[in-house]
């Protein structure tokens, strides 16, 4: 009789111990899953991102003082950004206080004191563009903004609202409210 009671107590202890052990191992796993879903991603300082096209050539080079991935929003945030785009013999360089890349998108959004310098083949001086925000589509190679812009070229200044620059087609279009005073060079 004592053997039967001892056997029942042993089986009960094994079952209780198994349940307690299973509960302890499942708690850390749940904590790990919550941590992975909490929105923490990678971050870096003084980083350089280079996106290449199908031909292996860079579509753009992006340098940032800070890079922070936000998996919960699908965005990569950039701080103190410098972006370079080589388009044949033309070179476009943009700087901004901050930027953002949306996962699965070809767009790079630049914000805060955006300054663009474009060296165009055949031009004696670079084109300079100043605006508050700018968007770059790396596949279509189009630079655009709906904000006010100031364009300076060969000593001439043009103010406008909105800009679309087709880097492949070598065209720059000012959207509206265009104001300029052109002074002939001597």
Protein backbone atom coordinates (compact mmCIF):
# COMPACT_ATOMS: atom_id res chain seq x y z
CA UNK A 1 0.00 0.00 0.00
CA UNK A 2 2.76 2.41 0.86
CA UNK A 3 4.35 1.65 -2.51
CA UNK A 4 1.14 2.67 -4.30
CA UNK A 5 0.88 5.97 -2.39
CA UNK A 6 4.57 6.64 -3.02
CA UNK A 7 4.12 5.92 -6.77
CA UNK A 8 1.06 8.23 -6.98
CA UNK A 9 2.92 11.03 -5.17
CA UNK A 10 5.93 10.59 -7.45
CA UNK A 11 3.77 10.79 -10.61
CA UNK A 12 1.96 13.86 -9.19
CA UNK A 13 5.32 15.51 -8.38
CA UNK A 14 6.58 14.84 -11.91
CA UNK A 15 3.42 16.33 -13.42
CA UNK A 16 3.54 19.44 -11.19
CA UNK A 17 7.26 19.85 -11.83
CA UNK A 18 6.73 19.56 -15.59
CA UNK A 19 3.97 22.16 -15.52
CA UNK A 20 6.12 24.57 -13.50
CA UNK A 21 9.10 24.05 -15.80
CA UNK A 22 6.94 24.60 -18.90
CA UNK A 23 5.53 27.82 -17.41
CA UNK A 24 9.04 29.14 -16.61
CA UNK A 25 10.40 28.48 -20.11
CA UNK A 26 7.36 30.00 -21.85
CA UNK A 27 7.60 33.30 -19.94
CA UNK A 28 11.04 34.34 -21.27
CA UNK A 29 10.01 33.35 -24.80
CA UNK A 30 6.92 35.60 -24.57
CA UNK A 31 9.10 38.43 -23.23
CA UNK A 32 11.49 37.99 -26.16
CA UNK A 33 8.62 38.07 -28.65
CA UNK A 34 7.25 41.26 -27.05
CA UNK A 35 10.70 42.84 -27.19
CA UNK A 36 11.10 41.96 -30.89
CA UNK A 37 7.70 43.52 -31.64
CA UNK A 38 8.36 46.61 -29.51
CA UNK A 39 9.70 48.60 -32.47
CA UNK A 40 13.39 48.40 -31.67
CA UNK A 41 15.52 48.18 -34.80
CA UNK A 42 19.09 48.90 -35.76
CA UNK A 43 20.86 52.21 -35.32
CA UNK A 44 24.22 53.52 -36.46
CA UNK A 45 26.41 56.62 -36.38
CA UNK A 46 28.40 58.02 -39.29
CA UNK A 47 26.83 55.56 -41.70
CA UNK A 48 26.98 55.38 -45.48
CA UNK A 49 24.22 53.75 -47.52
CA UNK A 50 24.70 53.00 -51.21
CA UNK A 51 21.85 51.78 -53.37
CA UNK A 52 22.90 50.22 -56.65
CA UNK A 53 20.91 49.62 -59.79
CA UNK A 54 20.67 46.43 -61.86
CA UNK A 55 23.93 47.39 -63.60
CA UNK A 56 25.75 47.51 -60.25
CA UNK A 57 26.33 51.26 -60.46
CA UNK A 58 25.25 53.46 -57.54
CA UNK A 59 21.81 55.05 -57.84
CA UNK A 60 22.74 57.23 -54.88
CA UNK A 61 25.14 57.46 -51.97
CA UNK A 62 23.76 58.63 -48.67
CA UNK A 63 25.88 59.67 -45.68
CA UNK A 64 24.17 60.28 -42.34
CA UNK A 65 25.44 61.21 -38.90
CA UNK A 66 22.70 58.99 -37.43
CA UNK A 67 20.56 56.17 -38.82
CA UNK A 68 17.71 54.60 -36.84
CA UNK A 69 15.39 51.88 -38.10
CA UNK A 70 11.80 51.91 -36.84
CA UNK A 71 10.39 48.45 -37.71
CA UNK A 72 7.00 49.30 -36.20
CA UNK A 73 6.51 52.10 -38.78
CA UNK A 74 8.58 50.64 -41.63
CA UNK A 75 10.78 53.74 -41.69
CA UNK A 76 14.47 54.48 -41.43
CA UNK A 77 15.19 57.89 -39.89
CA UNK A 78 18.33 59.79 -40.84
CA UNK A 79 20.08 62.70 -39.13
CA UNK A 80 22.42 65.26 -40.75
CA UNK A 81 22.13 63.84 -44.25
CA UNK A 82 24.32 64.26 -47.32
CA UNK A 83 23.12 62.53 -50.47
CA UNK A 84 24.96 62.30 -53.81
CA UNK A 85 23.45 61.25 -57.12
CA UNK A 86 25.62 60.65 -60.18
CA UNK A 87 23.61 60.95 -63.38
CA UNK A 88 25.98 60.39 -66.29
CA UNK A 89 28.35 63.36 -66.17
CA UNK A 90 25.96 65.36 -63.95
CA UNK A 91 26.48 65.36 -60.17
CA UNK A 92 23.70 66.27 -57.71
CA UNK A 93 24.49 66.70 -54.01
CA UNK A 94 21.89 67.46 -51.32
CA UNK A 95 22.26 68.14 -47.62
CA UNK A 96 19.50 68.28 -44.99
CA UNK A 97 19.00 68.27 -41.25
CA UNK A 98 17.10 64.99 -41.42
CA UNK A 99 15.69 62.43 -43.77
CA UNK A 100 13.55 59.34 -43.97
CA UNK A 101 13.37 56.21 -46.10
CA UNK A 102 10.15 54.20 -46.18
CA UNK A 103 10.59 50.40 -46.38
CA UNK A 104 9.72 49.05 -49.82
CA UNK A 105 9.77 52.51 -51.35
CA UNK A 106 12.16 54.13 -53.81
CA UNK A 107 11.67 57.51 -52.15
CA UNK A 108 14.02 59.38 -49.86
CA UNK A 109 12.47 62.32 -48.03
CA UNK A 110 14.79 65.14 -46.92
CA UNK A 111 13.64 67.80 -44.44
CA UNK A 112 15.10 70.86 -42.77
CA UNK A 113 17.35 73.37 -44.54
CA UNK A 114 17.66 71.32 -47.71
CA UNK A 115 20.47 72.58 -49.94
CA UNK A 116 21.09 71.10 -53.39
CA UNK A 117 24.06 71.73 -55.65
CA UNK A 118 23.93 70.36 -59.17
CA UNK A 119 26.90 70.37 -61.53
CA UNK A 120 25.45 70.04 -65.01
CA UNK A 121 27.57 69.18 -68.03
CA UNK A 122 27.98 72.25 -70.26
CA UNK A 123 27.16 74.71 -67.50
CA UNK A 124 29.80 77.12 -66.24
CA UNK A 125 28.38 77.27 -62.73
CA UNK A 126 26.41 74.88 -60.55
CA UNK A 127 22.68 75.18 -59.95
CA UNK A 128 21.86 75.76 -56.29
CA UNK A 129 18.45 74.98 -54.82
CA UNK A 130 17.29 75.83 -51.29
CA UNK A 131 14.01 74.56 -49.80
CA UNK A 132 12.55 73.13 -46.58
CA UNK A 133 11.80 69.63 -47.87
CA UNK A 134 12.62 67.53 -50.89
CA UNK A 135 11.74 64.08 -52.17
CA UNK A 136 13.96 61.90 -54.36
CA UNK A 137 12.67 58.89 -56.29
CA UNK A 138 15.74 56.75 -56.93
CA UNK A 139 14.15 54.57 -59.65
CA UNK A 140 12.50 57.37 -61.66
CA UNK A 141 15.39 59.73 -60.80
CA UNK A 142 13.03 62.59 -60.03
CA UNK A 143 13.61 65.29 -57.42
CA UNK A 144 10.47 67.11 -56.25
CA UNK A 145 8.98 69.43 -53.65
CA UNK A 146 5.78 71.40 -53.19
CA UNK A 147 7.44 73.84 -50.79
CA UNK A 148 8.85 77.26 -51.69
CA UNK A 149 12.22 77.01 -53.46
CA UNK A 150 15.02 79.40 -54.31
CA UNK A 151 17.03 78.49 -57.39
CA UNK A 152 20.33 80.26 -58.08
CA UNK A 153 22.20 79.75 -61.34
CA UNK A 154 24.92 81.84 -62.97
CA UNK A 155 24.30 84.66 -60.49
CA UNK A 156 20.55 84.75 -61.23
CA UNK A 157 17.93 84.03 -58.58
CA UNK A 158 14.48 82.54 -59.13
CA UNK A 159 11.90 82.02 -56.37
CA UNK A 160 8.99 79.63 -56.88
CA UNK A 161 6.62 77.29 -55.14
CA UNK A 162 7.24 73.65 -56.05
CA UNK A 163 9.83 72.04 -58.27
CA UNK A 164 10.15 68.84 -60.30
CA UNK A 165 13.56 67.90 -61.68
CA UNK A 166 13.81 64.92 -64.03
CA UNK A 167 17.46 63.90 -63.77
CA UNK A 168 17.21 61.38 -66.63
CA UNK A 169 15.48 63.85 -68.96
CA UNK A 170 17.67 66.80 -67.89
CA UNK A 171 14.60 68.98 -67.21
CA UNK A 172 13.77 71.21 -64.29
CA UNK A 173 10.22 72.54 -63.92
CA UNK A 174 9.15 75.23 -61.45
CA UNK A 175 5.53 74.66 -60.43
CA UNK A 176 3.97 78.04 -59.54
CA UNK A 177 4.45 81.55 -58.16
CA UNK A 178 7.66 81.98 -60.13
CA UNK A 179 9.42 85.30 -59.47
CA UNK A 180 12.74 86.30 -60.96
CA UNK A 181 14.77 89.29 -61.99
CA UNK A 182 17.26 88.38 -64.67
CA UNK A 183 20.26 90.63 -65.08
CA UNK A 184 22.22 90.16 -68.32
CA UNK A 185 25.86 89.29 -67.75
CA UNK A 186 28.37 91.75 -69.15
